[in-house]
């Protein structure tokens, strides 16, 4: 006696149309939160860069160029700006 096994479609989802576009109206453009904020001035950008560099130095995450990176160090000091702010280059991400 032969029993026929019917193919059963379990767990299949609907496929997208061949064109790759979904049916329906196009989404309306929505202003993002970032586009509603005022632009940062050059003074604010420089202050943020200085604060970032000072934080990295205070936490000991930067070493002078040419020295091996110590555990926890992520940046190398490659020079200094005219105002004395160190120029940092990322060498790796945190290992912790």
PDB file of N, CA and C in Angstrom:
ATOM      1  N   UNK A   1       0.820  -1.154   0.000  1.00  0.00           N
ATOM      2  CA  UNK A   1       0.000   0.000   0.000  1.00  0.00           C
ATOM      3  C   UNK A   1       0.883   1.242   0.000  1.00  0.00           C
ATOM      4  N   UNK A   2       0.608   2.148  -0.924  1.00  0.00           N
ATOM      5  CA  UNK A   2       1.381   3.384  -0.996  1.00  0.00           C
ATOM      6  C   UNK A   2       0.634   4.508  -0.291  1.00  0.00           C
ATOM      7  N   UNK A   3       1.388   5.269   0.491  1.00  0.00           N
ATOM      8  CA  UNK A   3       0.791   6.452   1.102  1.00  0.00           C
ATOM      9  C   UNK A   3       1.439   7.673   0.480  1.00  0.00           C
ATOM     10  N   UNK A   4       0.639   8.617   0.141  1.00  0.00           N
ATOM     11  CA  UNK A   4       1.202   9.825  -0.471  1.00  0.00           C
ATOM     12  C   UNK A   4       1.418  10.878   0.610  1.00  0.00           C
ATOM     13  N   UNK A   5       2.547  11.497   0.509  1.00  0.00           N
ATOM     14  CA  UNK A   5       2.861  12.545   1.462  1.00  0.00           C
ATOM     15  C   UNK A   5       2.713  13.884   0.753  1.00  0.00           C
ATOM     16  N   UNK A   6       1.853  14.695   1.249  1.00  0.00           N
ATOM     17  CA  UNK A   6       1.643  16.017   0.666  1.00  0.00           C
ATOM     18  C   UNK A   6       2.668  16.981   1.259  1.00  0.00           C
ATOM     19  N   UNK A   7       3.165  17.861   0.396  1.00  0.00           N
ATOM     20  CA  UNK A   7       4.095  18.872   0.889  1.00  0.00           C
ATOM     21  C   UNK A   7       3.324  19.909   1.678  1.00  0.00           C
ATOM     22  N   UNK A   8       3.820  20.189   2.848  1.00  0.00           N
ATOM     23  CA  UNK A   8       3.163  21.155   3.711  1.00  0.00           C
ATOM     24  C   UNK A   8       4.106  22.332   3.882  1.00  0.00           C
ATOM     25  N   UNK A   9       3.592  23.514   3.657  1.00  0.00           N
ATOM     26  CA  UNK A   9       4.392  24.729   3.810  1.00  0.00           C
ATOM     27  C   UNK A   9       4.235  25.226   5.236  1.00  0.00           C
ATOM     28  N   UNK A  10       5.301  25.096   6.002  1.00  0.00           N
ATOM     29  CA  UNK A  10       5.262  25.504   7.399  1.00  0.00           C
ATOM     30  C   UNK A  10       6.288  26.613   7.608  1.00  0.00           C
ATOM     31  N   UNK A  11       5.852  27.698   8.217  1.00  0.00           N
ATOM     32  CA  UNK A  11       6.769  28.749   8.612  1.00  0.00           C
ATOM     33  C   UNK A  11       7.276  29.628   7.482  1.00  0.00           C
ATOM     34  N   UNK A  12       6.707  29.550   6.309  1.00  0.00           N
ATOM     35  CA  UNK A  12       7.167  30.407   5.229  1.00  0.00           C
ATOM     36  C   UNK A  12       6.481  31.756   5.353  1.00  0.00           C
ATOM     37  N   UNK A  13       7.206  32.778   5.047  1.00  0.00           N
ATOM     38  CA  UNK A  13       6.658  34.126   5.093  1.00  0.00           C
ATOM     39  C   UNK A  13       6.422  34.617   3.675  1.00  0.00           C
ATOM     40  N   UNK A  14       5.680  35.674   3.565  1.00  0.00           N
ATOM     41  CA  UNK A  14       5.429  36.253   2.255  1.00  0.00           C
ATOM     42  C   UNK A  14       6.716  36.846   1.708  1.00  0.00           C
ATOM     43  N   UNK A  15       6.872  36.731   0.443  1.00  0.00           N
ATOM     44  CA  UNK A  15       8.051  37.300  -0.197  1.00  0.00           C
ATOM     45  C   UNK A  15       7.757  38.700  -0.681  1.00  0.00           C
ATOM     46  N   UNK A  16       8.812  39.499  -0.800  1.00  0.00           N
ATOM     47  CA  UNK A  16       8.680  40.832  -1.348  1.00  0.00           C
ATOM     48  C   UNK A  16       8.393  40.726  -2.835  1.00  0.00           C
ATOM     49  N   UNK A  17       7.756  41.707  -3.398  1.00  0.00           N
ATOM     50  CA  UNK A  17       7.568  41.702  -4.842  1.00  0.00           C
ATOM     51  C   UNK A  17       8.926  41.687  -5.549  1.00  0.00           C
ATOM     52  N   UNK A  18       8.939  41.219  -6.771  1.00  0.00           N
ATOM     53  CA  UNK A  18      10.187  41.067  -7.517  1.00  0.00           C
ATOM     54  C   UNK A  18      10.916  42.390  -7.688  1.00  0.00           C
ATOM     55  N   UNK A  19      10.194  43.491  -7.718  1.00  0.00           N
ATOM     56  CA  UNK A  19      10.844  44.788  -7.927  1.00  0.00           C
ATOM     57  C   UNK A  19      11.586  45.255  -6.684  1.00  0.00           C
ATOM     58  N   UNK A  20      11.330  44.635  -5.559  1.00  0.00           N
ATOM     59  CA  UNK A  20      12.008  45.016  -4.329  1.00  0.00           C
ATOM     60  C   UNK A  20      11.285  46.120  -3.584  1.00  0.00           C
ATOM     61  N   UNK A  21      10.243  46.649  -4.189  1.00  0.00           N
ATOM     62  CA  UNK A  21       9.503  47.730  -3.558  1.00  0.00           C
ATOM     63  C   UNK A  21       8.252  47.161  -2.913  1.00  0.00           C
ATOM     64  N   UNK A  22       7.917  47.705  -1.773  1.00  0.00           N
ATOM     65  CA  UNK A  22       6.717  47.281  -1.086  1.00  0.00           C
ATOM     66  C   UNK A  22       5.540  48.083  -1.609  1.00  0.00           C
ATOM     67  N   UNK A  23       4.393  47.474  -1.611  1.00  0.00           N
ATOM     68  CA  UNK A  23       3.196  48.163  -2.064  1.00  0.00           C
ATOM     69  C   UNK A  23       2.780  49.185  -1.025  1.00  0.00           C
ATOM     70  N   UNK A  24       2.180  50.255  -1.470  1.00  0.00           N
ATOM     71  CA  UNK A  24       1.688  51.265  -0.556  1.00  0.00           C
ATOM     72  C   UNK A  24       2.307  52.605  -0.846  1.00  0.00           C
ATOM     73  N   UNK A  25       1.832  53.622  -0.159  1.00  0.00           N
ATOM     74  CA  UNK A  25       2.354  54.968  -0.403  1.00  0.00           C
ATOM     75  C   UNK A  25       3.787  55.112   0.105  1.00  0.00           C
ATOM     76  N   UNK A  26       4.504  56.014  -0.517  1.00  0.00           N
ATOM     77  CA  UNK A  26       5.882  56.270  -0.109  1.00  0.00           C
ATOM     78  C   UNK A  26       5.878  56.948   1.259  1.00  0.00           C
ATOM     79  N   UNK A  27       6.882  56.652   2.105  1.00  0.00           N
ATOM     80  CA  UNK A  27       6.921  57.289   3.419  1.00  0.00           C
ATOM     81  C   UNK A  27       7.179  58.792   3.283  1.00  0.00           C
ATOM     82  N   UNK A  28       6.526  59.555   4.153  1.00  0.00           N
ATOM     83  CA  UNK A  28       6.717  61.004   4.147  1.00  0.00           C
ATOM     84  C   UNK A  28       8.054  61.318   4.802  1.00  0.00           C
ATOM     85  N   UNK A  29       8.709  62.358   4.314  1.00  0.00           N
ATOM     86  CA  UNK A  29       9.986  62.730   4.916  1.00  0.00           C
ATOM     87  C   UNK A  29       9.710  63.375   6.266  1.00  0.00           C
ATOM     88  N   UNK A  30      10.433  62.910   7.245  1.00  0.00           N
ATOM     89  CA  UNK A  30      10.269  63.385   8.610  1.00  0.00           C
ATOM     90  C   UNK A  30      11.575  64.035   9.028  1.00  0.00           C
ATOM     91  N   UNK A  31      11.472  65.195   9.621  1.00  0.00           N
ATOM     92  CA  UNK A  31      12.668  65.878  10.107  1.00  0.00           C
ATOM     93  C   UNK A  31      13.244  65.080  11.274  1.00  0.00           C
ATOM     94  N   UNK A  32      14.542  64.821  11.225  1.00  0.00           N
ATOM     95  CA  UNK A  32      15.180  64.091  12.308  1.00  0.00           C
ATOM     96  C   UNK A  32      15.457  65.039  13.476  1.00  0.00           C
ATOM     97  N   UNK A  33      15.738  64.470  14.615  1.00  0.00           N
ATOM     98  CA  UNK A  33      16.046  65.284  15.785  1.00  0.00           C
ATOM     99  C   UNK A  33      17.325  66.080  15.550  1.00  0.00           C
ATOM    100  N   UNK A  34      18.314  65.438  14.923  1.00  0.00           N
ATOM    101  CA  UNK A  34      19.590  66.113  14.680  1.00  0.00           C
ATOM    102  C   UNK A  34      19.415  67.313  13.755  1.00  0.00           C
ATOM    103  N   UNK A  35      18.501  67.227  12.801  1.00  0.00           N
ATOM    104  CA  UNK A  35      18.308  68.351  11.886  1.00  0.00           C
ATOM    105  C   UNK A  35      17.617  69.523  12.557  1.00  0.00           C
ATOM    106  N   UNK A  36      16.992  69.301  13.690  1.00  0.00           N
ATOM    107  CA  UNK A  36      16.299  70.368  14.406  1.00  0.00           C
ATOM    108  C   UNK A  36      17.209  71.088  15.399  1.00  0.00           C
ATOM    109  N   UNK A  37      18.370  70.530  15.685  1.00  0.00           N
ATOM    110  CA  UNK A  37      19.296  71.149  16.637  1.00  0.00           C
ATOM    111  C   UNK A  37      20.098  72.241  15.953  1.00  0.00           C
ATOM    112  N   UNK A  38      20.505  73.270  16.705  1.00  0.00           N
ATOM    113  CA  UNK A  38      21.351  74.297  16.095  1.00  0.00           C
ATOM    114  C   UNK A  38      22.739  73.732  15.807  1.00  0.00           C
ATOM    115  N   UNK A  39      23.362  74.219  14.752  1.00  0.00           N
ATOM    116  CA  UNK A  39      24.704  73.753  14.394  1.00  0.00           C
ATOM    117  C   UNK A  39      25.717  74.215  15.431  1.00  0.00           C
ATOM    118  N   UNK A  40      26.717  73.382  15.668  1.00  0.00           N
ATOM    119  CA  UNK A  40      27.776  73.722  16.621  1.00  0.00           C
ATOM    120  C   UNK A  40      28.717  74.741  15.985  1.00  0.00           C
ATOM    121  N   UNK A  41      29.148  75.692  16.778  1.00  0.00           N
ATOM    122  CA  UNK A  41      30.095  76.694  16.280  1.00  0.00           C
ATOM    123  C   UNK A  41      31.491  76.112  16.301  1.00  0.00           C
ATOM    124  N   UNK A  42      32.417  76.786  15.622  1.00  0.00           N
ATOM    125  CA  UNK A  42      33.804  76.330  15.590  1.00  0.00           C
ATOM    126  C   UNK A  42      34.411  76.332  16.996  1.00  0.00           C
ATOM    127  N   UNK A  43      34.031  77.290  17.806  1.00  0.00           N
ATOM    128  CA  UNK A  43      34.540  77.367  19.181  1.00  0.00           C
ATOM    129  C   UNK A  43      34.059  76.157  19.989  1.00  0.00           C
ATOM    130  N   UNK A  44      32.796  75.788  19.824  1.00  0.00           N
ATOM    131  CA  UNK A  44      32.257  74.631  20.541  1.00  0.00           C
ATOM    132  C   UNK A  44      32.919  73.342  20.095  1.00  0.00           C
ATOM    133  N   UNK A  45      33.200  73.216  18.796  1.00  0.00           N
ATOM    134  CA  UNK A  45      33.853  72.016  18.275  1.00  0.00           C
ATOM    135  C   UNK A  45      35.262  71.897  18.850  1.00  0.00           C
ATOM    136  N   UNK A  46      36.000  72.988  18.868  1.00  0.00           N
ATOM    137  CA  UNK A  46      37.362  72.962  19.422  1.00  0.00           C
ATOM    138  C   UNK A  46      37.353  72.645  20.906  1.00  0.00           C
ATOM    139  N   UNK A  47      36.394  73.191  21.642  1.00  0.00           N
ATOM    140  CA  UNK A  47      36.293  72.906  23.077  1.00  0.00           C
ATOM    141  C   UNK A  47      35.995  71.423  23.313  1.00  0.00           C
ATOM    142  N   UNK A  48      35.145  70.844  22.480  1.00  0.00           N
ATOM    143  CA  UNK A  48      34.830  69.417  22.618  1.00  0.00           C
ATOM    144  C   UNK A  48      36.054  68.560  22.312  1.00  0.00           C
ATOM    145  N   UNK A  49      36.838  68.942  21.310  1.00  0.00           N
ATOM    146  CA  UNK A  49      38.055  68.192  20.979  1.00  0.00           C
ATOM    147  C   UNK A  49      39.052  68.239  22.129  1.00  0.00           C
ATOM    148  N   UNK A  50      39.223  69.427  22.727  1.00  0.00           N
ATOM    149  CA  UNK A  50      40.146  69.553  23.864  1.00  0.00           C
ATOM    150  C   UNK A  50      39.683  68.699  25.040  1.00  0.00           C
ATOM    151  N   UNK A  51      38.383  68.736  25.328  1.00  0.00           N
ATOM    152  CA  UNK A  51      37.847  67.970  26.453  1.00  0.00           C
ATOM    153  C   UNK A  51      38.013  66.471  26.215  1.00  0.00           C
ATOM    154  N   UNK A  52      37.799  66.023  24.980  1.00  0.00           N
ATOM    155  CA  UNK A  52      37.981  64.612  24.632  1.00  0.00           C
ATOM    156  C   UNK A  52      39.433  64.196  24.857  1.00  0.00           C
ATOM    157  N   UNK A  53      40.383  65.007  24.364  1.00  0.00           N
ATOM    158  CA  UNK A  53      41.808  64.682  24.516  1.00  0.00           C
ATOM    159  C   UNK A  53      42.214  64.690  25.986  1.00  0.00           C
ATOM    160  N   UNK A  54      41.715  65.660  26.755  1.00  0.00           N
ATOM    161  CA  UNK A  54      42.057  65.713  28.173  1.00  0.00           C
ATOM    162  C   UNK A  54      41.526  64.480  28.913  1.00  0.00           C
ATOM    163  N   UNK A  55      40.355  64.015  28.548  1.00  0.00           N
ATOM    164  CA  UNK A  55      39.785  62.828  29.179  1.00  0.00           C
ATOM    165  C   UNK A  55      40.611  61.588  28.893  1.00  0.00           C
ATOM    166  N   UNK A  56      41.047  61.444  27.636  1.00  0.00           N
ATOM    167  CA  UNK A  56      41.876  60.286  27.272  1.00  0.00           C
ATOM    168  C   UNK A  56      43.196  60.318  28.024  1.00  0.00           C
ATOM    169  N   UNK A  57      43.800  61.495  28.123  1.00  0.00           N
ATOM    170  CA  UNK A  57      45.066  61.612  28.847  1.00  0.00           C
ATOM    171  C   UNK A  57      44.874  61.356  30.345  1.00  0.00           C
ATOM    172  N   UNK A  58      43.787  61.865  30.911  1.00  0.00           N
ATOM    173  CA  UNK A  58      43.537  61.694  32.351  1.00  0.00           C
ATOM    174  C   UNK A  58      43.314  60.227  32.705  1.00  0.00           C
ATOM    175  N   UNK A  59      42.703  59.474  31.813  1.00  0.00           N
ATOM    176  CA  UNK A  59      42.457  58.055  32.081  1.00  0.00           C
ATOM    177  C   UNK A  59      43.658  57.177  31.720  1.00  0.00           C
ATOM    178  N   UNK A  60      44.702  57.753  31.163  1.00  0.00           N
ATOM    179  CA  UNK A  60      45.888  56.982  30.808  1.00  0.00           C
ATOM    180  C   UNK A  60      45.695  56.117  29.576  1.00  0.00           C
ATOM    181  N   UNK A  61      44.831  56.545  28.668  1.00  0.00           N
ATOM    182  CA  UNK A  61      44.542  55.770  27.470  1.00  0.00           C
ATOM    183  C   UNK A  61      45.384  56.191  26.268  1.00  0.00           C
ATOM    184  N   UNK A  62      46.416  57.038  26.493  1.00  0.00           N
ATOM    185  CA  UNK A  62      47.271  57.480  25.391  1.00  0.00           C
ATOM    186  C   UNK A  62      48.731  57.352  25.802  1.00  0.00           C
ATOM    187  N   UNK A  63      49.564  56.968  24.832  1.00  0.00           N
ATOM    188  CA  UNK A  63      51.006  56.869  25.060  1.00  0.00           C
ATOM    189  C   UNK A  63      51.708  57.670  23.961  1.00  0.00           C
ATOM    190  N   UNK A  64      52.922  58.153  24.228  1.00  0.00           N
ATOM    191  CA  UNK A  64      53.671  58.861  23.184  1.00  0.00           C
ATOM    192  C   UNK A  64      53.973  57.939  21.999  1.00  0.00           C
ATOM    193  N   UNK A  65      54.073  58.530  20.823  1.00  0.00           N
ATOM    194  CA  UNK A  65      54.348  57.765  19.609  1.00  0.00           C
ATOM    195  C   UNK A  65      55.699  57.067  19.729  1.00  0.00           C
ATOM    196  N   UNK A  66      55.778  55.842  19.292  1.00  0.00           N
ATOM    197  CA  UNK A  66      57.010  55.060  19.346  1.00  0.00           C
ATOM    198  C   UNK A  66      57.065  54.101  20.513  1.00  0.00           C
ATOM    199  N   UNK A  67      56.247  54.321  21.516  1.00  0.00           N
ATOM    200  CA  UNK A  67      56.208  53.408  22.661  1.00  0.00           C
ATOM    201  C   UNK A  67      55.136  52.353  22.425  1.00  0.00           C
ATOM    202  N   UNK A  68      55.321  51.148  22.958  1.00  0.00           N
ATOM    203  CA  UNK A  68      54.286  50.121  22.794  1.00  0.00           C
ATOM    204  C   UNK A  68      53.037  50.498  23.590  1.00  0.00           C
ATOM    205  N   UNK A  69      51.908  50.088  23.069  1.00  0.00           N
ATOM    206  CA  UNK A  69      50.655  50.369  23.764  1.00  0.00           C
ATOM    207  C   UNK A  69      50.561  49.510  25.016  1.00  0.00           C
ATOM    208  N   UNK A  70      50.301  50.156  26.119  1.00  0.00           N
ATOM    209  CA  UNK A  70      50.130  49.446  27.378  1.00  0.00           C
ATOM    210  C   UNK A  70      48.707  48.898  27.436  1.00  0.00           C
ATOM    211  N   UNK A  71      48.432  47.961  28.333  1.00  0.00           N
ATOM    212  CA  UNK A  71      47.053  47.481  28.470  1.00  0.00           C
ATOM    213  C   UNK A  71      46.129  48.649  28.824  1.00  0.00           C
ATOM    214  N   UNK A  72      45.067  48.792  28.090  1.00  0.00           N
ATOM    215  CA  UNK A  72      44.120  49.877  28.326  1.00  0.00           C
ATOM    216  C   UNK A  72      44.373  51.104  27.471  1.00  0.00           C
ATOM    217  N   UNK A  73      45.541  51.206  26.868  1.00  0.00           N
ATOM    218  CA  UNK A  73      45.839  52.351  26.010  1.00  0.00           C
ATOM    219  C   UNK A  73      45.214  52.120  24.636  1.00  0.00           C
ATOM    220  N   UNK A  74      44.583  53.151  24.130  1.00  0.00           N
ATOM    221  CA  UNK A  74      43.909  53.042  22.840  1.00  0.00           C
ATOM    222  C   UNK A  74      44.415  54.048  21.827  1.00  0.00           C
ATOM    223  N   UNK A  75      45.092  55.095  22.275  1.00  0.00           N
ATOM    224  CA  UNK A  75      45.531  56.170  21.391  1.00  0.00           C
ATOM    225  C   UNK A  75      47.036  56.407  21.510  1.00  0.00           C
ATOM    226  N   UNK A  76      47.588  57.014  20.462  1.00  0.00           N
ATOM    227  CA  UNK A  76      48.988  57.409  20.437  1.00  0.00           C
ATOM    228  C   UNK A  76      49.035  58.915  20.251  1.00  0.00           C
ATOM    229  N   UNK A  77      49.914  59.581  21.008  1.00  0.00           N
ATOM    230  CA  UNK A  77      50.090  61.027  20.872  1.00  0.00           C
ATOM    231  C   UNK A  77      51.114  61.248  19.763  1.00  0.00           C
ATOM    232  N   UNK A  78      50.679  61.855  18.649  1.00  0.00           N
ATOM    233  CA  UNK A  78      51.566  62.033  17.507  1.00  0.00           C
ATOM    234  C   UNK A  78      52.108  63.445  17.390  1.00  0.00           C
ATOM    235  N   UNK A  79      51.634  64.361  18.205  1.00  0.00           N
ATOM    236  CA  UNK A  79      52.122  65.738  18.164  1.00  0.00           C
ATOM    237  C   UNK A  79      51.255  66.632  19.022  1.00  0.00           C
ATOM    238  N   UNK A  80      51.447  67.954  18.829  1.00  0.00           N
ATOM    239  CA  UNK A  80      50.651  68.932  19.573  1.00  0.00           C
ATOM    240  C   UNK A  80      50.200  70.031  18.627  1.00  0.00           C
ATOM    241  N   UNK A  81      49.007  70.572  18.900  1.00  0.00           N
ATOM    242  CA  UNK A  81      48.489  71.710  18.142  1.00  0.00           C
ATOM    243  C   UNK A  81      49.215  72.976  18.571  1.00  0.00           C
ATOM    244  N   UNK A  82      48.908  74.074  17.904  1.00  0.00           N
ATOM    245  CA  UNK A  82      49.517  75.364  18.245  1.00  0.00           C
ATOM    246  C   UNK A  82      49.164  75.795  19.671  1.00  0.00           C
ATOM    247  N   UNK A  83      47.969  75.415  20.141  1.00  0.00           N
ATOM    248  CA  UNK A  83      47.569  75.797  21.500  1.00  0.00           C
ATOM    249  C   UNK A  83      48.003  74.781  22.551  1.00  0.00           C
ATOM    250  N   UNK A  84      48.729  73.734  22.152  1.00  0.00           N
ATOM    251  CA  UNK A  84      49.251  72.753  23.093  1.00  0.00           C
ATOM    252  C   UNK A  84      48.390  71.516  23.271  1.00  0.00           C
ATOM    253  N   UNK A  85      47.245  71.462  22.591  1.00  0.00           N
ATOM    254  CA  UNK A  85      46.380  70.286  22.673  1.00  0.00           C
ATOM    255  C   UNK A  85      47.043  69.118  21.952  1.00  0.00           C
ATOM    256  N   UNK A  86      47.153  67.960  22.589  1.00  0.00           N
ATOM    257  CA  UNK A  86      47.793  66.822  21.920  1.00  0.00           C
ATOM    258  C   UNK A  86      46.970  66.329  20.733  1.00  0.00           C
ATOM    259  N   UNK A  87      47.661  65.899  19.691  1.00  0.00           N
ATOM    260  CA  UNK A  87      47.013  65.294  18.527  1.00  0.00           C
ATOM    261  C   UNK A  87      47.043  63.791  18.755  1.00  0.00           C
ATOM    262  N   UNK A  88      45.865  63.187  18.818  1.00  0.00           N
ATOM    263  CA  UNK A  88      45.736  61.773  19.123  1.00  0.00           C
ATOM    264  C   UNK A  88      45.332  60.990  17.890  1.00  0.00           C
ATOM    265  N   UNK A  89      45.865  59.791  17.767  1.00  0.00           N
ATOM    266  CA  UNK A  89      45.478  58.856  16.716  1.00  0.00           C
ATOM    267  C   UNK A  89      45.065  57.556  17.383  1.00  0.00           C
ATOM    268  N   UNK A  90      43.888  57.057  17.011  1.00  0.00           N
ATOM    269  CA  UNK A  90      43.421  55.798  17.585  1.00  0.00           C
ATOM    270  C   UNK A  90      44.221  54.655  16.979  1.00  0.00           C
ATOM    271  N   UNK A  91      44.698  53.755  17.822  1.00  0.00           N
ATOM    272  CA  UNK A  91      45.431  52.582  17.364  1.00  0.00           C
ATOM    273  C   UNK A  91      44.635  51.293  17.541  1.00  0.00           C
ATOM    274  N   UNK A  92      43.751  51.268  18.534  1.00  0.00           N
ATOM    275  CA  UNK A  92      42.903  50.105  18.737  1.00  0.00           C
ATOM    276  C   UNK A  92      41.725  50.517  19.607  1.00  0.00           C
ATOM    277  N   UNK A  93      40.753  49.624  19.685  1.00  0.00           N
ATOM    278  CA  UNK A  93      39.628  49.840  20.563  1.00  0.00           C
ATOM    279  C   UNK A  93      39.941  49.195  21.907  1.00  0.00           C
ATOM    280  N   UNK A  94      39.155  49.502  22.893  1.00  0.00           N
ATOM    281  CA  UNK A  94      39.381  49.013  24.243  1.00  0.00           C
ATOM    282  C   UNK A  94      39.448  47.491  24.269  1.00  0.00           C
ATOM    283  N   UNK A  95      40.386  46.970  25.019  1.00  0.00           N
ATOM    284  CA  UNK A  95      40.519  45.530  25.145  1.00  0.00           C
ATOM    285  C   UNK A  95      39.768  44.977  26.340  1.00  0.00           C
ATOM    286  N   UNK A  96      39.202  45.859  27.135  1.00  0.00           N
ATOM    287  CA  UNK A  96      38.472  45.391  28.321  1.00  0.00           C
ATOM    288  C   UNK A  96      37.008  45.261  28.082  1.00  0.00           C
TER     289      UNK A  96
END
